Amino acid sequence: MANVLELFEEAISVARELGFMVREEPLGDLPGGACMANGKKQLLLNASMSPADQLDVLLKTIGGQSLCDIPLSGALTQRMARVQHDAS
Protein backbone atom coordinates (compact mmCIF):
# COMPACT_ATOMS: atom_id res chain seq x y z
CA MET A 1 0.00 0.00 0.00
CA ALA A 2 1.33 3.42 -0.94
CA ASN A 3 1.99 5.87 1.86
CA VAL A 4 0.59 9.40 2.02
CA LEU A 5 3.78 11.06 0.76
CA GLU A 6 3.92 8.79 -2.30
CA LEU A 7 0.27 9.53 -3.07
CA PHE A 8 0.89 13.25 -2.49
CA GLU A 9 3.75 13.26 -5.01
CA GLU A 10 1.66 11.32 -7.52
CA ALA A 11 -1.27 13.73 -7.09
CA ILE A 12 1.03 16.74 -7.60
CA SER A 13 2.31 15.16 -10.83
CA VAL A 14 -1.26 14.61 -12.02
CA ALA A 15 -2.21 18.20 -11.17
CA ARG A 16 0.78 19.46 -13.16
CA GLU A 17 -0.19 17.26 -16.12
CA LEU A 18 -3.61 18.91 -15.94
CA GLY A 19 -1.93 22.31 -16.26
CA PHE A 20 -1.98 23.45 -12.64
CA MET A 21 0.91 25.29 -11.03
CA VAL A 22 0.98 23.77 -7.53
CA ARG A 23 2.12 26.02 -4.69
CA GLU A 24 2.28 25.69 -0.92
CA GLU A 25 1.49 28.94 0.89
CA PRO A 26 0.54 29.90 4.43
CA LEU A 27 -3.23 30.35 4.05
CA GLY A 28 -4.36 30.74 7.65
CA ASP A 29 -7.56 28.77 8.21
CA LEU A 30 -8.20 28.20 4.50
CA PRO A 31 -7.52 24.72 3.10
CA GLY A 32 -6.56 25.92 -0.37
CA GLY A 33 -7.87 24.87 -3.74
CA ALA A 34 -7.86 25.90 -7.38
CA CYS A 35 -7.95 29.41 -8.77
CA MET A 36 -6.88 31.38 -11.84
CA ALA A 37 -4.11 33.97 -11.53
CA ASN A 38 -2.79 35.88 -14.53
CA GLY A 39 -4.59 33.45 -16.81
CA LYS A 40 -2.86 30.41 -15.30
CA LYS A 41 -4.42 27.58 -13.30
CA GLN A 42 -3.11 27.60 -9.74
CA LEU A 43 -3.60 25.00 -7.05
CA LEU A 44 -2.81 26.43 -3.63
CA LEU A 45 -2.12 24.18 -0.66
CA ASN A 46 -2.02 25.44 2.91
CA ALA A 47 1.57 24.93 4.08
CA SER A 48 0.43 24.53 7.69
CA MET A 49 -1.75 21.49 6.89
CA SER A 50 -0.53 17.91 7.15
CA PRO A 51 0.46 16.07 3.96
CA ALA A 52 -2.67 13.90 4.31
CA ASP A 53 -4.92 16.98 4.43
CA GLN A 54 -3.03 18.60 1.54
CA LEU A 55 -3.48 15.38 -0.43
CA ASP A 56 -7.23 15.52 0.12
CA VAL A 57 -7.34 19.13 -1.16
CA LEU A 58 -5.38 18.01 -4.24
CA LEU A 59 -7.72 15.09 -4.85
CA LYS A 60 -10.86 17.21 -4.49
CA THR A 61 -9.46 19.52 -7.16
CA ILE A 62 -8.13 17.00 -9.66
CA GLY A 63 -11.12 14.72 -9.11
CA GLY A 64 -13.26 17.28 -10.88
CA GLN A 65 -11.05 17.22 -13.99
CA SER A 66 -11.01 14.87 -16.96
CA LEU A 67 -8.49 12.17 -16.02
CA CYS A 68 -9.18 9.66 -18.81
CA ASP A 69 -5.75 10.14 -20.44
CA ILE A 70 -3.74 10.18 -17.20
CA PRO A 71 -2.76 6.86 -15.61
CA LEU A 72 -3.41 6.72 -11.86
CA SER A 73 -2.23 4.14 -9.36
CA GLY A 74 -4.88 1.97 -7.76
CA ALA A 75 -4.09 3.49 -4.37
CA LEU A 76 -4.60 7.04 -5.66
CA THR A 77 -7.84 6.06 -7.40
CA GLN A 78 -9.15 4.54 -4.15
CA ARG A 79 -8.15 7.56 -2.07
CA MET A 80 -9.76 9.91 -4.61
CA ALA A 81 -13.01 7.93 -4.53
CA ARG A 82 -13.06 8.07 -0.73
CA VAL A 83 -12.38 11.83 -0.67
CA GLN A 84 -15.10 12.49 -3.24
CA HIS A 85 -17.56 10.29 -1.33
CA ASP A 86 -16.79 12.09 1.95
CA ALA A 87 -17.30 15.48 0.25
CA SER A 88 -20.80 14.57 -0.94
C-alpha atoms as a PDB file:
ATOM      1  CA  MET A   1       0.000   0.000   0.000  1.00  0.00           C
ATOM      2  CA  ALA A   2       1.327   3.422  -0.937  1.00  0.00           C
ATOM      3  CA  ASN A   3       1.987   5.869   1.862  1.00  0.00           C
ATOM      4  CA  VAL A   4       0.594   9.398   2.016  1.00  0.00           C
ATOM      5  CA  LEU A   5       3.781  11.055   0.758  1.00  0.00           C
ATOM      6  CA  GLU A   6       3.917   8.787  -2.304  1.00  0.00           C
ATOM      7  CA  LEU A   7       0.267   9.535  -3.069  1.00  0.00           C
ATOM      8  CA  PHE A   8       0.891  13.254  -2.487  1.00  0.00           C
ATOM      9  CA  GLU A   9       3.751  13.256  -5.011  1.00  0.00           C
ATOM     10  CA  GLU A  10       1.655  11.322  -7.524  1.00  0.00           C
ATOM     11  CA  ALA A  11      -1.268  13.732  -7.092  1.00  0.00           C
ATOM     12  CA  ILE A  12       1.027  16.737  -7.605  1.00  0.00           C
ATOM     13  CA  SER A  13       2.308  15.161 -10.829  1.00  0.00           C
ATOM     14  CA  VAL A  14      -1.261  14.607 -12.019  1.00  0.00           C
ATOM     15  CA  ALA A  15      -2.207  18.203 -11.168  1.00  0.00           C
ATOM     16  CA  ARG A  16       0.778  19.462 -13.158  1.00  0.00           C
ATOM     17  CA  GLU A  17      -0.195  17.256 -16.115  1.00  0.00           C
ATOM     18  CA  LEU A  18      -3.612  18.909 -15.941  1.00  0.00           C
ATOM     19  CA  GLY A  19      -1.929  22.309 -16.264  1.00  0.00           C
ATOM     20  CA  PHE A  20      -1.975  23.448 -12.639  1.00  0.00           C
ATOM     21  CA  MET A  21       0.908  25.295 -11.032  1.00  0.00           C
ATOM     22  CA  VAL A  22       0.981  23.771  -7.530  1.00  0.00           C
ATOM     23  CA  ARG A  23       2.122  26.018  -4.686  1.00  0.00           C
ATOM     24  CA  GLU A  24       2.282  25.691  -0.919  1.00  0.00           C
ATOM     25  CA  GLU A  25       1.492  28.939   0.885  1.00  0.00           C
ATOM     26  CA  PRO A  26       0.543  29.898   4.433  1.00  0.00           C
ATOM     27  CA  LEU A  27      -3.227  30.346   4.051  1.00  0.00           C
ATOM     28  CA  GLY A  28      -4.360  30.737   7.655  1.00  0.00           C
ATOM     29  CA  ASP A  29      -7.560  28.768   8.214  1.00  0.00           C
ATOM     30  CA  LEU A  30      -8.196  28.202   4.498  1.00  0.00           C
ATOM     31  CA  PRO A  31      -7.518  24.720   3.102  1.00  0.00           C
ATOM     32  CA  GLY A  32      -6.560  25.925  -0.372  1.00  0.00           C
ATOM     33  CA  GLY A  33      -7.869  24.871  -3.744  1.00  0.00           C
ATOM     34  CA  ALA A  34      -7.862  25.897  -7.379  1.00  0.00           C
ATOM     35  CA  CYS A  35      -7.952  29.414  -8.772  1.00  0.00           C
ATOM     36  CA  MET A  36      -6.882  31.379 -11.836  1.00  0.00           C
ATOM     37  CA  ALA A  37      -4.109  33.972 -11.531  1.00  0.00           C
ATOM     38  CA  ASN A  38      -2.787  35.884 -14.526  1.00  0.00           C
ATOM     39  CA  GLY A  39      -4.595  33.449 -16.814  1.00  0.00           C
ATOM     40  CA  LYS A  40      -2.864  30.408 -15.297  1.00  0.00           C
ATOM     41  CA  LYS A  41      -4.421  27.580 -13.303  1.00  0.00           C
ATOM     42  CA  GLN A  42      -3.113  27.605  -9.741  1.00  0.00           C
ATOM     43  CA  LEU A  43      -3.600  24.997  -7.048  1.00  0.00           C
ATOM     44  CA  LEU A  44      -2.807  26.428  -3.633  1.00  0.00           C
ATOM     45  CA  LEU A  45      -2.117  24.182  -0.661  1.00  0.00           C
ATOM     46  CA  ASN A  46      -2.020  25.435   2.911  1.00  0.00           C
ATOM     47  CA  ALA A  47       1.572  24.926   4.080  1.00  0.00           C
ATOM     48  CA  SER A  48       0.429  24.528   7.694  1.00  0.00           C
ATOM     49  CA  MET A  49      -1.746  21.494   6.893  1.00  0.00           C
ATOM     50  CA  SER A  50      -0.534  17.909   7.154  1.00  0.00           C
ATOM     51  CA  PRO A  51       0.463  16.073   3.961  1.00  0.00           C
ATOM     52  CA  ALA A  52      -2.672  13.903   4.313  1.00  0.00           C
ATOM     53  CA  ASP A  53      -4.923  16.980   4.426  1.00  0.00           C
ATOM     54  CA  GLN A  54      -3.032  18.603   1.538  1.00  0.00           C
ATOM     55  CA  LEU A  55      -3.478  15.377  -0.434  1.00  0.00           C
ATOM     56  CA  ASP A  56      -7.227  15.517   0.124  1.00  0.00           C
ATOM     57  CA  VAL A  57      -7.336  19.127  -1.164  1.00  0.00           C
ATOM     58  CA  LEU A  58      -5.378  18.012  -4.240  1.00  0.00           C
ATOM     59  CA  LEU A  59      -7.722  15.088  -4.846  1.00  0.00           C
ATOM     60  CA  LYS A  60     -10.861  17.214  -4.486  1.00  0.00           C
ATOM     61  CA  THR A  61      -9.460  19.523  -7.159  1.00  0.00           C
ATOM     62  CA  ILE A  62      -8.130  16.999  -9.662  1.00  0.00           C
ATOM     63  CA  GLY A  63     -11.120  14.716  -9.113  1.00  0.00           C
ATOM     64  CA  GLY A  64     -13.259  17.281 -10.882  1.00  0.00           C
ATOM     65  CA  GLN A  65     -11.045  17.222 -13.989  1.00  0.00           C
ATOM     66  CA  SER A  66     -11.005  14.865 -16.957  1.00  0.00           C
ATOM     67  CA  LEU A  67      -8.493  12.166 -16.017  1.00  0.00           C
ATOM     68  CA  CYS A  68      -9.177   9.665 -18.805  1.00  0.00           C
ATOM     69  CA  ASP A  69      -5.747  10.142 -20.440  1.00  0.00           C
ATOM     70  CA  ILE A  70      -3.735  10.176 -17.203  1.00  0.00           C
ATOM     71  CA  PRO A  71      -2.756   6.862 -15.607  1.00  0.00           C
ATOM     72  CA  LEU A  72      -3.408   6.717 -11.862  1.00  0.00           C
ATOM     73  CA  SER A  73      -2.228   4.141  -9.363  1.00  0.00           C
ATOM     74  CA  GLY A  74      -4.878   1.970  -7.764  1.00  0.00           C
ATOM     75  CA  ALA A  75      -4.089   3.492  -4.372  1.00  0.00           C
ATOM     76  CA  LEU A  76      -4.597   7.043  -5.662  1.00  0.00           C
ATOM     77  CA  THR A  77      -7.841   6.065  -7.397  1.00  0.00           C
ATOM     78  CA  GLN A  78      -9.148   4.536  -4.151  1.00  0.00           C
ATOM     79  CA  ARG A  79      -8.146   7.562  -2.068  1.00  0.00           C
ATOM     80  CA  MET A  80      -9.756   9.911  -4.610  1.00  0.00           C
ATOM     81  CA  ALA A  81     -13.013   7.926  -4.527  1.00  0.00           C
ATOM     82  CA  ARG A  82     -13.057   8.071  -0.726  1.00  0.00           C
ATOM     83  CA  VAL A  83     -12.380  11.831  -0.665  1.00  0.00           C
ATOM     84  CA  GLN A  84     -15.098  12.494  -3.238  1.00  0.00           C
ATOM     85  CA  HIS A  85     -17.555  10.288  -1.327  1.00  0.00           C
ATOM     86  CA  ASP A  86     -16.787  12.091   1.949  1.00  0.00           C
ATOM     87  CA  ALA A  87     -17.303  15.478   0.252  1.00  0.00           C
ATOM     88  CA  SER A  88     -20.799  14.570  -0.941  1.00  0.00           C
END
